[in-house]
Amino acid sequence: MDACRAELTVTPEAVAAGTVFVAEADGDVAGFHALARLSETEVDALMLFVDPPWIGRGIGDALFSHLREEARRRGYRTIVIDADPNALGFYLRMGAIPAGSAPSGSVPGRTLPRLTYAL
């Protein structure tokens, strides 16, 4: 996790820019997602995390649904997802399509599954 700390840190600037969204459940933070503009038509699903006690309780589905709607609202046509391999099944279930691989931003030599989701 130390190798990924910088890449996975949510900055105050990202929060202020309105690109980070939090899911709350029972008064707790249950997860969040963040997006980043890649181009006029593509947005990066930069982060989508669910706190482990909330996994399997619909929080991930709700976060992806919100990410999808926010991307549409901002005028994007494609969501690009560089997924943690453990989350690949989730994104496939959401309707994302495999689109190759991408280098990890934190671990040299590691690749991540890349997926796309057409809006």
PDB file of N, CA and C in Angstrom:
ATOM      1  N   MET A   1       0.818  -1.189   0.000  1.00  0.00           N
ATOM      2  CA  MET A   1       0.000   0.000   0.000  1.00  0.00           C
ATOM      3  C   MET A   1       0.864   1.255   0.000  1.00  0.00           C
ATOM      4  N   ASP A   2       2.025   1.205   0.630  1.00  0.00           N
ATOM      5  CA  ASP A   2       2.883   2.393   0.639  1.00  0.00           C
ATOM      6  C   ASP A   2       3.252   2.815  -0.776  1.00  0.00           C
ATOM      7  N   ALA A   3       3.474   1.845  -1.669  1.00  0.00           N
ATOM      8  CA  ALA A   3       3.839   2.166  -3.047  1.00  0.00           C
ATOM      9  C   ALA A   3       2.717   2.901  -3.770  1.00  0.00           C
ATOM     10  N   CYS A   4       1.477   2.680  -3.331  1.00  0.00           N
ATOM     11  CA  CYS A   4       0.308   3.274  -3.990  1.00  0.00           C
ATOM     12  C   CYS A   4      -0.208   4.525  -3.295  1.00  0.00           C
ATOM     13  N   ARG A   5       0.381   4.886  -2.173  1.00  0.00           N
ATOM     14  CA  ARG A   5      -0.146   5.982  -1.354  1.00  0.00           C
ATOM     15  C   ARG A   5      -0.345   7.274  -2.151  1.00  0.00           C
ATOM     16  N   ALA A   6       0.663   7.714  -2.887  1.00  0.00           N
ATOM     17  CA  ALA A   6       0.548   8.983  -3.621  1.00  0.00           C
ATOM     18  C   ALA A   6      -0.541   8.909  -4.684  1.00  0.00           C
ATOM     19  N   GLU A   7      -0.594   7.798  -5.402  1.00  0.00           N
ATOM     20  CA  GLU A   7      -1.580   7.654  -6.473  1.00  0.00           C
ATOM     21  C   GLU A   7      -3.005   7.576  -5.933  1.00  0.00           C
ATOM     22  N   LEU A   8      -3.166   7.016  -4.761  1.00  0.00           N
ATOM     23  CA  LEU A   8      -4.509   6.791  -4.215  1.00  0.00           C
ATOM     24  C   LEU A   8      -4.933   7.831  -3.186  1.00  0.00           C
ATOM     25  N   THR A   9      -4.150   8.865  -3.013  1.00  0.00           N
ATOM     26  CA  THR A   9      -4.504   9.911  -2.060  1.00  0.00           C
ATOM     27  C   THR A   9      -5.474  10.892  -2.706  1.00  0.00           C
ATOM     28  N   VAL A  10      -6.571  11.161  -2.027  1.00  0.00           N
ATOM     29  CA  VAL A  10      -7.536  12.155  -2.486  1.00  0.00           C
ATOM     30  C   VAL A  10      -7.102  13.500  -1.911  1.00  0.00           C
ATOM     31  N   THR A  11      -6.844  14.437  -2.791  1.00  0.00           N
ATOM     32  CA  THR A  11      -6.340  15.740  -2.363  1.00  0.00           C
ATOM     33  C   THR A  11      -7.481  16.721  -2.085  1.00  0.00           C
ATOM     34  N   PRO A  12      -7.231  17.696  -1.242  1.00  0.00           N
ATOM     35  CA  PRO A  12      -8.228  18.747  -1.027  1.00  0.00           C
ATOM     36  C   PRO A  12      -8.592  19.466  -2.330  1.00  0.00           C
ATOM     37  N   GLU A  13      -7.625  19.577  -3.244  1.00  0.00           N
ATOM     38  CA  GLU A  13      -7.889  20.230  -4.525  1.00  0.00           C
ATOM     39  C   GLU A  13      -8.893  19.439  -5.358  1.00  0.00           C
ATOM     40  N   ALA A  14      -8.792  18.111  -5.340  1.00  0.00           N
ATOM     41  CA  ALA A  14      -9.747  17.281  -6.081  1.00  0.00           C
ATOM     42  C   ALA A  14     -11.142  17.412  -5.480  1.00  0.00           C
ATOM     43  N   VAL A  15     -11.215  17.454  -4.182  1.00  0.00           N
ATOM     44  CA  VAL A  15     -12.513  17.621  -3.523  1.00  0.00           C
ATOM     45  C   VAL A  15     -13.100  18.985  -3.885  1.00  0.00           C
ATOM     46  N   ALA A  16     -12.276  20.030  -3.814  1.00  0.00           N
ATOM     47  CA  ALA A  16     -12.741  21.382  -4.136  1.00  0.00           C
ATOM     48  C   ALA A  16     -13.155  21.506  -5.592  1.00  0.00           C
ATOM     49  N   ALA A  17     -12.524  20.736  -6.479  1.00  0.00           N
ATOM     50  CA  ALA A  17     -12.850  20.786  -7.907  1.00  0.00           C
ATOM     51  C   ALA A  17     -14.149  20.059  -8.234  1.00  0.00           C
ATOM     52  N   GLY A  18     -14.712  19.360  -7.264  1.00  0.00           N
ATOM     53  CA  GLY A  18     -15.974  18.664  -7.504  1.00  0.00           C
ATOM     54  C   GLY A  18     -15.832  17.394  -8.306  1.00  0.00           C
ATOM     55  N   THR A  19     -14.705  16.713  -8.149  1.00  0.00           N
ATOM     56  CA  THR A  19     -14.502  15.465  -8.886  1.00  0.00           C
ATOM     57  C   THR A  19     -14.485  14.240  -7.985  1.00  0.00           C
ATOM     58  N   VAL A  20     -14.764  14.426  -6.702  1.00  0.00           N
ATOM     59  CA  VAL A  20     -14.799  13.328  -5.732  1.00  0.00           C
ATOM     60  C   VAL A  20     -16.187  13.296  -5.117  1.00  0.00           C
ATOM     61  N   PHE A  21     -16.775  12.105  -5.056  1.00  0.00           N
ATOM     62  CA  PHE A  21     -18.133  11.935  -4.550  1.00  0.00           C
ATOM     63  C   PHE A  21     -18.147  10.817  -3.509  1.00  0.00           C
ATOM     64  N   VAL A  22     -18.845  11.052  -2.410  1.00  0.00           N
ATOM     65  CA  VAL A  22     -18.849  10.124  -1.277  1.00  0.00           C
ATOM     66  C   VAL A  22     -20.218   9.465  -1.135  1.00  0.00           C
ATOM     67  N   ALA A  23     -20.204   8.172  -0.836  1.00  0.00           N
ATOM     68  CA  ALA A  23     -21.429   7.442  -0.505  1.00  0.00           C
ATOM     69  C   ALA A  23     -21.475   7.262   1.003  1.00  0.00           C
ATOM     70  N   GLU A  24     -22.581   7.656   1.592  1.00  0.00           N
ATOM     71  CA  GLU A  24     -22.772   7.484   3.028  1.00  0.00           C
ATOM     72  C   GLU A  24     -23.849   6.443   3.269  1.00  0.00           C
ATOM     73  N   ALA A  25     -23.683   5.698   4.340  1.00  0.00           N
ATOM     74  CA  ALA A  25     -24.679   4.705   4.748  1.00  0.00           C
ATOM     75  C   ALA A  25     -24.659   4.637   6.272  1.00  0.00           C
ATOM     76  N   ASP A  26     -25.810   4.721   6.850  1.00  0.00           N
ATOM     77  CA  ASP A  26     -25.936   4.696   8.312  1.00  0.00           C
ATOM     78  C   ASP A  26     -25.031   5.728   8.986  1.00  0.00           C
ATOM     79  N   GLY A  27     -24.851   6.876   8.339  1.00  0.00           N
ATOM     80  CA  GLY A  27     -24.047   7.947   8.909  1.00  0.00           C
ATOM     81  C   GLY A  27     -22.546   7.787   8.753  1.00  0.00           C
ATOM     82  N   ASP A  28     -22.104   6.754   8.066  1.00  0.00           N
ATOM     83  CA  ASP A  28     -20.676   6.512   7.856  1.00  0.00           C
ATOM     84  C   ASP A  28     -20.319   6.668   6.385  1.00  0.00           C
ATOM     85  N   VAL A  29     -19.066   6.955   6.116  1.00  0.00           N
ATOM     86  CA  VAL A  29     -18.576   6.929   4.740  1.00  0.00           C
ATOM     87  C   VAL A  29     -18.464   5.461   4.342  1.00  0.00           C
ATOM     88  N   ALA A  30     -19.222   5.073   3.317  1.00  0.00           N
ATOM     89  CA  ALA A  30     -19.231   3.685   2.869  1.00  0.00           C
ATOM     90  C   ALA A  30     -18.364   3.478   1.634  1.00  0.00           C
ATOM     91  N   GLY A  31     -18.038   4.568   0.949  1.00  0.00           N
ATOM     92  CA  GLY A  31     -17.211   4.468  -0.241  1.00  0.00           C
ATOM     93  C   GLY A  31     -17.145   5.810  -0.936  1.00  0.00           C
ATOM     94  N   PHE A  32     -16.414   5.843  -2.053  1.00  0.00           N
ATOM     95  CA  PHE A  32     -16.328   7.079  -2.831  1.00  0.00           C
ATOM     96  C   PHE A  32     -15.887   6.752  -4.246  1.00  0.00           C
ATOM     97  N   HIS A  33     -16.099   7.712  -5.125  1.00  0.00           N
ATOM     98  CA  HIS A  33     -15.519   7.620  -6.455  1.00  0.00           C
ATOM     99  C   HIS A  33     -14.973   8.976  -6.848  1.00  0.00           C
ATOM    100  N   ALA A  34     -14.034   8.954  -7.773  1.00  0.00           N
ATOM    101  CA  ALA A  34     -13.433  10.179  -8.294  1.00  0.00           C
ATOM    102  C   ALA A  34     -13.268  10.023  -9.795  1.00  0.00           C
ATOM    103  N   LEU A  35     -13.396  11.130 -10.488  1.00  0.00           N
ATOM    104  CA  LEU A  35     -13.211  11.089 -11.931  1.00  0.00           C
ATOM    105  C   LEU A  35     -12.244  12.181 -12.364  1.00  0.00           C
ATOM    106  N   ALA A  36     -11.648  11.980 -13.547  1.00  0.00           N
ATOM    107  CA  ALA A  36     -10.688  12.943 -14.082  1.00  0.00           C
ATOM    108  C   ALA A  36     -10.848  12.999 -15.596  1.00  0.00           C
ATOM    109  N   ARG A  37     -10.880  14.198 -16.112  1.00  0.00           N
ATOM    110  CA  ARG A  37     -11.026  14.407 -17.558  1.00  0.00           C
ATOM    111  C   ARG A  37      -9.795  13.881 -18.284  1.00  0.00           C
ATOM    112  N   LEU A  38     -10.019  13.065 -19.320  1.00  0.00           N
ATOM    113  CA  LEU A  38      -8.939  12.605 -20.190  1.00  0.00           C
ATOM    114  C   LEU A  38      -8.932  13.404 -21.489  1.00  0.00           C
ATOM    115  N   SER A  39     -10.122  13.651 -22.015  1.00  0.00           N
ATOM    116  CA  SER A  39     -10.284  14.414 -23.248  1.00  0.00           C
ATOM    117  C   SER A  39     -11.694  14.996 -23.238  1.00  0.00           C
ATOM    118  N   GLU A  40     -12.051  15.634 -24.312  1.00  0.00           N
ATOM    119  CA  GLU A  40     -13.392  16.209 -24.386  1.00  0.00           C
ATOM    120  C   GLU A  40     -14.480  15.135 -24.318  1.00  0.00           C
ATOM    121  N   THR A  41     -14.160  13.923 -24.739  1.00  0.00           N
ATOM    122  CA  THR A  41     -15.163  12.855 -24.785  1.00  0.00           C
ATOM    123  C   THR A  41     -14.934  11.735 -23.787  1.00  0.00           C
ATOM    124  N   GLU A  42     -13.743  11.685 -23.176  1.00  0.00           N
ATOM    125  CA  GLU A  42     -13.412  10.580 -22.267  1.00  0.00           C
ATOM    126  C   GLU A  42     -13.115  11.070 -20.856  1.00  0.00           C
ATOM    127  N   VAL A  43     -13.596  10.281 -19.898  1.00  0.00           N
ATOM    128  CA  VAL A  43     -13.327  10.563 -18.494  1.00  0.00           C
ATOM    129  C   VAL A  43     -12.729   9.307 -17.855  1.00  0.00           C
ATOM    130  N   ASP A  44     -11.801   9.511 -16.967  1.00  0.00           N
ATOM    131  CA  ASP A  44     -11.156   8.422 -16.241  1.00  0.00           C
ATOM    132  C   ASP A  44     -11.908   8.172 -14.945  1.00  0.00           C
ATOM    133  N   ALA A  45     -12.336   6.934 -14.741  1.00  0.00           N
ATOM    134  CA  ALA A  45     -12.887   6.539 -13.442  1.00  0.00           C
ATOM    135  C   ALA A  45     -11.674   6.348 -12.538  1.00  0.00           C
ATOM    136  N   LEU A  46     -11.173   7.452 -12.068  1.00  0.00           N
ATOM    137  CA  LEU A  46      -9.900   7.505 -11.365  1.00  0.00           C
ATOM    138  C   LEU A  46      -9.867   6.596 -10.140  1.00  0.00           C
ATOM    139  N   MET A  47     -10.932   6.633  -9.370  1.00  0.00           N
ATOM    140  CA  MET A  47     -11.034   5.795  -8.169  1.00  0.00           C
ATOM    141  C   MET A  47     -12.494   5.427  -7.950  1.00  0.00           C
ATOM    142  N   LEU A  48     -12.710   4.231  -7.482  1.00  0.00           N
ATOM    143  CA  LEU A  48     -14.021   3.803  -6.990  1.00  0.00           C
ATOM    144  C   LEU A  48     -13.724   2.759  -5.921  1.00  0.00           C
ATOM    145  N   PHE A  49     -13.976   3.142  -4.683  1.00  0.00           N
ATOM    146  CA  PHE A  49     -13.674   2.263  -3.557  1.00  0.00           C
ATOM    147  C   PHE A  49     -14.888   2.127  -2.657  1.00  0.00           C
ATOM    148  N   VAL A  50     -15.055   0.927  -2.138  1.00  0.00           N
ATOM    149  CA  VAL A  50     -16.093   0.652  -1.144  1.00  0.00           C
ATOM    150  C   VAL A  50     -15.380   0.164   0.111  1.00  0.00           C
ATOM    151  N   ASP A  51     -15.726   0.751   1.247  1.00  0.00           N
ATOM    152  CA  ASP A  51     -15.156   0.304   2.518  1.00  0.00           C
ATOM    153  C   ASP A  51     -15.547  -1.167   2.711  1.00  0.00           C
ATOM    154  N   PRO A  52     -14.592  -2.043   3.028  1.00  0.00           N
ATOM    155  CA  PRO A  52     -14.876  -3.482   3.094  1.00  0.00           C
ATOM    156  C   PRO A  52     -16.149  -3.893   3.841  1.00  0.00           C
ATOM    157  N   PRO A  53     -16.518  -3.285   4.982  1.00  0.00           N
ATOM    158  CA  PRO A  53     -17.756  -3.734   5.622  1.00  0.00           C
ATOM    159  C   PRO A  53     -19.012  -3.506   4.763  1.00  0.00           C
ATOM    160  N   TRP A  54     -18.910  -2.649   3.755  1.00  0.00           N
ATOM    161  CA  TRP A  54     -20.060  -2.329   2.907  1.00  0.00           C
ATOM    162  C   TRP A  54     -20.064  -3.083   1.589  1.00  0.00           C
ATOM    163  N   ILE A  55     -19.016  -3.855   1.307  1.00  0.00           N
ATOM    164  CA  ILE A  55     -18.976  -4.623   0.066  1.00  0.00           C
ATOM    165  C   ILE A  55     -20.117  -5.641   0.068  1.00  0.00           C
ATOM    166  N   GLY A  56     -20.772  -5.755  -1.085  1.00  0.00           N
ATOM    167  CA  GLY A  56     -21.884  -6.693  -1.240  1.00  0.00           C
ATOM    168  C   GLY A  56     -23.213  -6.137  -0.767  1.00  0.00           C
ATOM    169  N   ARG A  57     -23.258  -4.840  -0.461  1.00  0.00           N
ATOM    170  CA  ARG A  57     -24.492  -4.242   0.053  1.00  0.00           C
ATOM    171  C   ARG A  57     -25.041  -3.153  -0.865  1.00  0.00           C
ATOM    172  N   GLY A  58     -24.583  -3.146  -2.135  1.00  0.00           N
ATOM    173  CA  GLY A  58     -25.121  -2.218  -3.120  1.00  0.00           C
ATOM    174  C   GLY A  58     -24.415  -0.886  -3.227  1.00  0.00           C
ATOM    175  N   ILE A  59     -23.408  -0.646  -2.394  1.00  0.00           N
ATOM    176  CA  ILE A  59     -22.713   0.640  -2.424  1.00  0.00           C
ATOM    177  C   ILE A  59     -21.927   0.793  -3.729  1.00  0.00           C
ATOM    178  N   GLY A  60     -21.242  -0.246  -4.157  1.00  0.00           N
ATOM    179  CA  GLY A  60     -20.487  -0.184  -5.412  1.00  0.00           C
ATOM    180  C   GLY A  60     -21.389   0.096  -6.600  1.00  0.00           C
ATOM    181  N   ASP A  61     -22.529  -0.592  -6.642  1.00  0.00           N
ATOM    182  CA  ASP A  61     -23.489  -0.352  -7.728  1.00  0.00           C
ATOM    183  C   ASP A  61     -23.957   1.098  -7.719  1.00  0.00           C
ATOM    184  N   ALA A  62     -24.253   1.624  -6.534  1.00  0.00           N
ATOM    185  CA  ALA A  62     -24.718   3.007  -6.420  1.00  0.00           C
ATOM    186  C   ALA A  62     -23.624   3.982  -6.836  1.00  0.00           C
ATOM    187  N   LEU A  63     -22.392   3.717  -6.438  1.00  0.00           N
ATOM    188  CA  LEU A  63     -21.290   4.589  -6.826  1.00  0.00           C
ATOM    189  C   LEU A  63     -21.063   4.563  -8.330  1.00  0.00           C
ATOM    190  N   PHE A  64     -21.099   3.377  -8.932  1.00  0.00           N
ATOM    191  CA  PHE A  64     -20.895   3.304 -10.383  1.00  0.00           C
ATOM    192  C   PHE A  64     -22.038   3.999 -11.107  1.00  0.00           C
ATOM    193  N   SER A  65     -23.240   3.823 -10.625  1.00  0.00           N
ATOM    194  CA  SER A  65     -24.396   4.497 -11.229  1.00  0.00           C
ATOM    195  C   SER A  65     -24.214   6.013 -11.161  1.00  0.00           C
ATOM    196  N   HIS A  66     -23.769   6.508 -10.017  1.00  0.00           N
ATOM    197  CA  HIS A  66     -23.542   7.953  -9.875  1.00  0.00           C
ATOM    198  C   HIS A  66     -22.410   8.410 -10.786  1.00  0.00           C
ATOM    199  N   LEU A  67     -21.331   7.650 -10.849  1.00  0.00           N
ATOM    200  CA  LEU A  67     -20.222   7.989 -11.730  1.00  0.00           C
ATOM    201  C   LEU A  67     -20.712   8.088 -13.174  1.00  0.00           C
ATOM    202  N   ARG A  68     -21.492   7.116 -13.594  1.00  0.00           N
ATOM    203  CA  ARG A  68     -22.044   7.082 -14.960  1.00  0.00           C
ATOM    204  C   ARG A  68     -22.884   8.335 -15.236  1.00  0.00           C
ATOM    205  N   GLU A  69     -23.772   8.668 -14.300  1.00  0.00           N
ATOM    206  CA  GLU A  69     -24.646   9.831 -14.486  1.00  0.00           C
ATOM    207  C   GLU A  69     -23.862  11.138 -14.445  1.00  0.00           C
ATOM    208  N   GLU A  70     -22.874  11.237 -13.584  1.00  0.00           N
ATOM    209  CA  GLU A  70     -22.049  12.435 -13.508  1.00  0.00           C
ATOM    210  C   GLU A  70     -21.250  12.610 -14.796  1.00  0.00           C
ATOM    211  N   ALA A  71     -20.715  11.525 -15.331  1.00  0.00           N
ATOM    212  CA  ALA A  71     -19.975  11.595 -16.594  1.00  0.00           C
ATOM    213  C   ALA A  71     -20.893  12.054 -17.726  1.00  0.00           C
ATOM    214  N   ARG A  72     -22.107  11.508 -17.772  1.00  0.00           N
ATOM    215  CA  ARG A  72     -23.082  11.943 -18.790  1.00  0.00           C
ATOM    216  C   ARG A  72     -23.407  13.422 -18.630  1.00  0.00           C
ATOM    217  N   ARG A  73     -23.645  13.838 -17.394  1.00  0.00           N
ATOM    218  CA  ARG A  73     -24.011  15.227 -17.116  1.00  0.00           C
ATOM    219  C   ARG A  73     -22.912  16.180 -17.588  1.00  0.00           C
ATOM    220  N   ARG A  74     -21.669  15.739 -17.493  1.00  0.00           N
ATOM    221  CA  ARG A  74     -20.538  16.569 -17.902  1.00  0.00           C
ATOM    222  C   ARG A  74     -20.246  16.468 -19.398  1.00  0.00           C
ATOM    223  N   GLY A  75     -21.013  15.652 -20.107  1.00  0.00           N
ATOM    224  CA  GLY A  75     -20.884  15.578 -21.558  1.00  0.00           C
ATOM    225  C   GLY A  75     -19.908  14.553 -22.096  1.00  0.00           C
ATOM    226  N   TYR A  76     -19.404  13.674 -21.257  1.00  0.00           N
ATOM    227  CA  TYR A  76     -18.486  12.647 -21.736  1.00  0.00           C
ATOM    228  C   TYR A  76     -19.259  11.546 -22.452  1.00  0.00           C
ATOM    229  N   ARG A  77     -18.549  10.820 -23.323  1.00  0.00           N
ATOM    230  CA  ARG A  77     -19.173   9.712 -24.039  1.00  0.00           C
ATOM    231  C   ARG A  77     -18.604   8.354 -23.647  1.00  0.00           C
ATOM    232  N   THR A  78     -17.419   8.381 -23.024  1.00  0.00           N
ATOM    233  CA  THR A  78     -16.771   7.117 -22.646  1.00  0.00           C
ATOM    234  C   THR A  78     -16.117   7.264 -21.277  1.00  0.00           C
ATOM    235  N   ILE A  79     -16.298   6.227 -20.448  1.00  0.00           N
ATOM    236  CA  ILE A  79     -15.581   6.121 -19.177  1.00  0.00           C
ATOM    237  C   ILE A  79     -14.444   5.133 -19.387  1.00  0.00           C
ATOM    238  N   VAL A  80     -13.241   5.519 -19.016  1.00  0.00           N
ATOM    239  CA  VAL A  80     -12.072   4.642 -19.083  1.00  0.00           C
ATOM    240  C   VAL A  80     -11.751   4.202 -17.658  1.00  0.00           C
ATOM    241  N   ILE A  81     -11.560   2.901 -17.493  1.00  0.00           N
ATOM    242  CA  ILE A  81     -11.331   2.332 -16.163  1.00  0.00           C
ATOM    243  C   ILE A  81     -10.058   1.496 -16.196  1.00  0.00           C
ATOM    244  N   ASP A  82      -9.068   1.880 -15.411  1.00  0.00           N
ATOM    245  CA  ASP A  82      -7.904   1.031 -15.190  1.00  0.00           C
ATOM    246  C   ASP A  82      -8.161   0.357 -13.847  1.00  0.00           C
ATOM    247  N   ALA A  83      -8.609  -0.883 -13.913  1.00  0.00           N
ATOM    248  CA  ALA A  83      -9.164  -1.564 -12.747  1.00  0.00           C
ATOM    249  C   ALA A  83      -8.124  -2.351 -11.958  1.00  0.00           C
ATOM    250  N   ASP A  84      -8.321  -2.349 -10.655  1.00  0.00           N
ATOM    251  CA  ASP A  84      -7.600  -3.315  -9.837  1.00  0.00           C
ATOM    252  C   ASP A  84      -8.070  -4.696 -10.306  1.00  0.00           C
ATOM    253  N   PRO A  85      -7.166  -5.643 -10.498  1.00  0.00           N
ATOM    254  CA  PRO A  85      -7.598  -6.967 -10.963  1.00  0.00           C
ATOM    255  C   PRO A  85      -8.694  -7.592 -10.093  1.00  0.00           C
ATOM    256  N   ASN A  86      -8.697  -7.290  -8.794  1.00  0.00           N
ATOM    257  CA  ASN A  86      -9.732  -7.845  -7.920  1.00  0.00           C
ATOM    258  C   ASN A  86     -11.109  -7.237  -8.174  1.00  0.00           C
ATOM    259  N   ALA A  87     -11.156  -6.100  -8.870  1.00  0.00           N
ATOM    260  CA  ALA A  87     -12.426  -5.434  -9.153  1.00  0.00           C
ATOM    261  C   ALA A  87     -12.899  -5.691 -10.587  1.00  0.00           C
ATOM    262  N   LEU A  88     -12.152  -6.459 -11.344  1.00  0.00           N
ATOM    263  CA  LEU A  88     -12.491  -6.700 -12.742  1.00  0.00           C
ATOM    264  C   LEU A  88     -13.908  -7.255 -12.906  1.00  0.00           C
ATOM    265  N   GLY A  89     -14.257  -8.248 -12.107  1.00  0.00           N
ATOM    266  CA  GLY A  89     -15.597  -8.847 -12.197  1.00  0.00           C
ATOM    267  C   GLY A  89     -16.700  -7.831 -11.954  1.00  0.00           C
ATOM    268  N   PHE A  90     -16.489  -6.941 -11.006  1.00  0.00           N
ATOM    269  CA  PHE A  90     -17.473  -5.893 -10.718  1.00  0.00           C
ATOM    270  C   PHE A  90     -17.703  -5.027 -11.953  1.00  0.00           C
ATOM    271  N   TYR A  91     -16.626  -4.538 -12.566  1.00  0.00           N
ATOM    272  CA  TYR A  91     -16.777  -3.655 -13.718  1.00  0.00           C
ATOM    273  C   TYR A  91     -17.385  -4.374 -14.913  1.00  0.00           C
ATOM    274  N   LEU A  92     -17.036  -5.637 -15.113  1.00  0.00           N
ATOM    275  CA  LEU A  92     -17.660  -6.405 -16.184  1.00  0.00           C
ATOM    276  C   LEU A  92     -19.155  -6.543 -15.922  1.00  0.00           C
ATOM    277  N   ARG A  93     -19.524  -6.778 -14.675  1.00  0.00           N
ATOM    278  CA  ARG A  93     -20.947  -6.889 -14.321  1.00  0.00           C
ATOM    279  C   ARG A  93     -21.679  -5.572 -14.557  1.00  0.00           C
ATOM    280  N   MET A  94     -20.971  -4.456 -14.407  1.00  0.00           N
ATOM    281  CA  MET A  94     -21.570  -3.140 -14.639  1.00  0.00           C
ATOM    282  C   MET A  94     -21.735  -2.843 -16.129  1.00  0.00           C
ATOM    283  N   GLY A  95     -21.099  -3.668 -16.981  1.00  0.00           N
ATOM    284  CA  GLY A  95     -21.231  -3.480 -18.425  1.00  0.00           C
ATOM    285  C   GLY A  95     -19.998  -2.921 -19.106  1.00  0.00           C
ATOM    286  N   ALA A  96     -18.903  -2.774 -18.376  1.00  0.00           N
ATOM    287  CA  ALA A  96     -17.660  -2.306 -18.986  1.00  0.00           C
ATOM    288  C   ALA A  96     -17.097  -3.399 -19.890  1.00  0.00           C
ATOM    289  N   ILE A  97     -16.341  -2.964 -20.891  1.00  0.00           N
ATOM    290  CA  ILE A  97     -15.795  -3.876 -21.897  1.00  0.00           C
ATOM    291  C   ILE A  97     -14.267  -3.849 -21.821  1.00  0.00           C
ATOM    292  N   PRO A  98     -13.620  -5.019 -21.818  1.00  0.00           N
ATOM    293  CA  PRO A  98     -12.154  -5.051 -21.800  1.00  0.00           C
ATOM    294  C   PRO A  98     -11.569  -4.286 -22.991  1.00  0.00           C
ATOM    295  N   ALA A  99     -10.504  -3.518 -22.716  1.00  0.00           N
ATOM    296  CA  ALA A  99      -9.876  -2.701 -23.759  1.00  0.00           C
ATOM    297  C   ALA A  99      -8.355  -2.734 -23.612  1.00  0.00           C
ATOM    298  N   GLY A 100      -7.817  -3.876 -23.226  1.00  0.00           N
ATOM    299  CA  GLY A 100      -6.373  -4.004 -23.107  1.00  0.00           C
ATOM    300  C   GLY A 100      -5.891  -3.874 -21.680  1.00  0.00           C
ATOM    301  N   SER A 101      -4.714  -3.294 -21.536  1.00  0.00           N
ATOM    302  CA  SER A 101      -4.133  -3.126 -20.206  1.00  0.00           C
ATOM    303  C   SER A 101      -3.441  -1.766 -20.143  1.00  0.00           C
ATOM    304  N   ALA A 102      -3.128  -1.369 -18.922  1.00  0.00           N
ATOM    305  CA  ALA A 102      -2.471  -0.085 -18.685  1.00  0.00           C
ATOM    306  C   ALA A 102      -1.419  -0.281 -17.609  1.00  0.00           C
ATOM    307  N   PRO A 103      -0.335   0.469 -17.682  1.00  0.00           N
ATOM    308  CA  PRO A 103       0.681   0.337 -16.636  1.00  0.00           C
ATOM    309  C   PRO A 103       0.174   0.901 -15.315  1.00  0.00           C
ATOM    310  N   SER A 104       0.538   0.265 -14.240  1.00  0.00           N
ATOM    311  CA  SER A 104       0.230   0.772 -12.905  1.00  0.00           C
ATOM    312  C   SER A 104       0.947   2.095 -12.709  1.00  0.00           C
ATOM    313  N   GLY A 105       0.282   3.026 -12.082  1.00  0.00           N
ATOM    314  CA  GLY A 105       0.906   4.299 -11.772  1.00  0.00           C
ATOM    315  C   GLY A 105       1.787   4.239 -10.537  1.00  0.00           C
ATOM    316  N   SER A 106       1.765   3.102  -9.844  1.00  0.00           N
ATOM    317  CA  SER A 106       2.487   2.997  -8.577  1.00  0.00           C
ATOM    318  C   SER A 106       3.527   1.889  -8.522  1.00  0.00           C
ATOM    319  N   VAL A 107       3.283   0.807  -9.237  1.00  0.00           N
ATOM    320  CA  VAL A 107       4.153  -0.366  -9.134  1.00  0.00           C
ATOM    321  C   VAL A 107       4.815  -0.631 -10.484  1.00  0.00           C
ATOM    322  N   PRO A 108       6.095  -0.335 -10.615  1.00  0.00           N
ATOM    323  CA  PRO A 108       6.786  -0.561 -11.884  1.00  0.00           C
ATOM    324  C   PRO A 108       6.647  -2.011 -12.352  1.00  0.00           C
ATOM    325  N   GLY A 109       6.341  -2.170 -13.636  1.00  0.00           N
ATOM    326  CA  GLY A 109       6.214  -3.499 -14.218  1.00  0.00           C
ATOM    327  C   GLY A 109       4.845  -4.135 -14.067  1.00  0.00           C
ATOM    328  N   ARG A 110       3.991  -3.564 -13.239  1.00  0.00           N
ATOM    329  CA  ARG A 110       2.643  -4.113 -13.040  1.00  0.00           C
ATOM    330  C   ARG A 110       1.695  -3.484 -14.049  1.00  0.00           C
ATOM    331  N   THR A 111       0.807  -4.298 -14.602  1.00  0.00           N
ATOM    332  CA  THR A 111      -0.224  -3.767 -15.489  1.00  0.00           C
ATOM    333  C   THR A 111      -1.596  -4.013 -14.874  1.00  0.00           C
ATOM    334  N   LEU A 112      -2.523  -3.176 -15.259  1.00  0.00           N
ATOM    335  CA  LEU A 112      -3.904  -3.264 -14.788  1.00  0.00           C
ATOM    336  C   LEU A 112      -4.827  -3.499 -15.975  1.00  0.00           C
ATOM    337  N   PRO A 113      -5.908  -4.239 -15.773  1.00  0.00           N
ATOM    338  CA  PRO A 113      -6.870  -4.384 -16.853  1.00  0.00           C
ATOM    339  C   PRO A 113      -7.502  -3.024 -17.173  1.00  0.00           C
ATOM    340  N   ARG A 114      -7.525  -2.656 -18.444  1.00  0.00           N
ATOM    341  CA  ARG A 114      -8.211  -1.441 -18.877  1.00  0.00           C
ATOM    342  C   ARG A 114      -9.563  -1.833 -19.461  1.00  0.00           C
ATOM    343  N   LEU A 115     -10.573  -1.092 -19.072  1.00  0.00           N
ATOM    344  CA  LEU A 115     -11.917  -1.316 -19.586  1.00  0.00           C
ATOM    345  C   LEU A 115     -12.483   0.025 -20.049  1.00  0.00           C
ATOM    346  N   THR A 116     -13.514  -0.054 -20.879  1.00  0.00           N
ATOM    347  CA  THR A 116     -14.244   1.152 -21.261  1.00  0.00           C
ATOM    348  C   THR A 116     -15.727   0.911 -21.060  1.00  0.00           C
ATOM    349  N   TYR A 117     -16.417   2.003 -20.845  1.00  0.00           N
ATOM    350  CA  TYR A 117     -17.876   1.949 -20.692  1.00  0.00           C
ATOM    351  C   TYR A 117     -18.449   3.067 -21.559  1.00  0.00           C
ATOM    352  N   ALA A 118     -19.228   2.700 -22.565  1.00  0.00           N
ATOM    353  CA  ALA A 118     -19.824   3.684 -23.466  1.00  0.00           C
ATOM    354  C   ALA A 118     -21.076   4.270 -22.823  1.00  0.00           C
ATOM    355  N   LEU A 119     -21.165   5.594 -22.852  1.00  0.00           N
ATOM    356  CA  LEU A 119     -22.316   6.277 -22.278  1.00  0.00           C
ATOM    357  C   LEU A 119     -23.374   6.549 -23.339  1.00  0.00           C
TER     358      LEU A 119
END
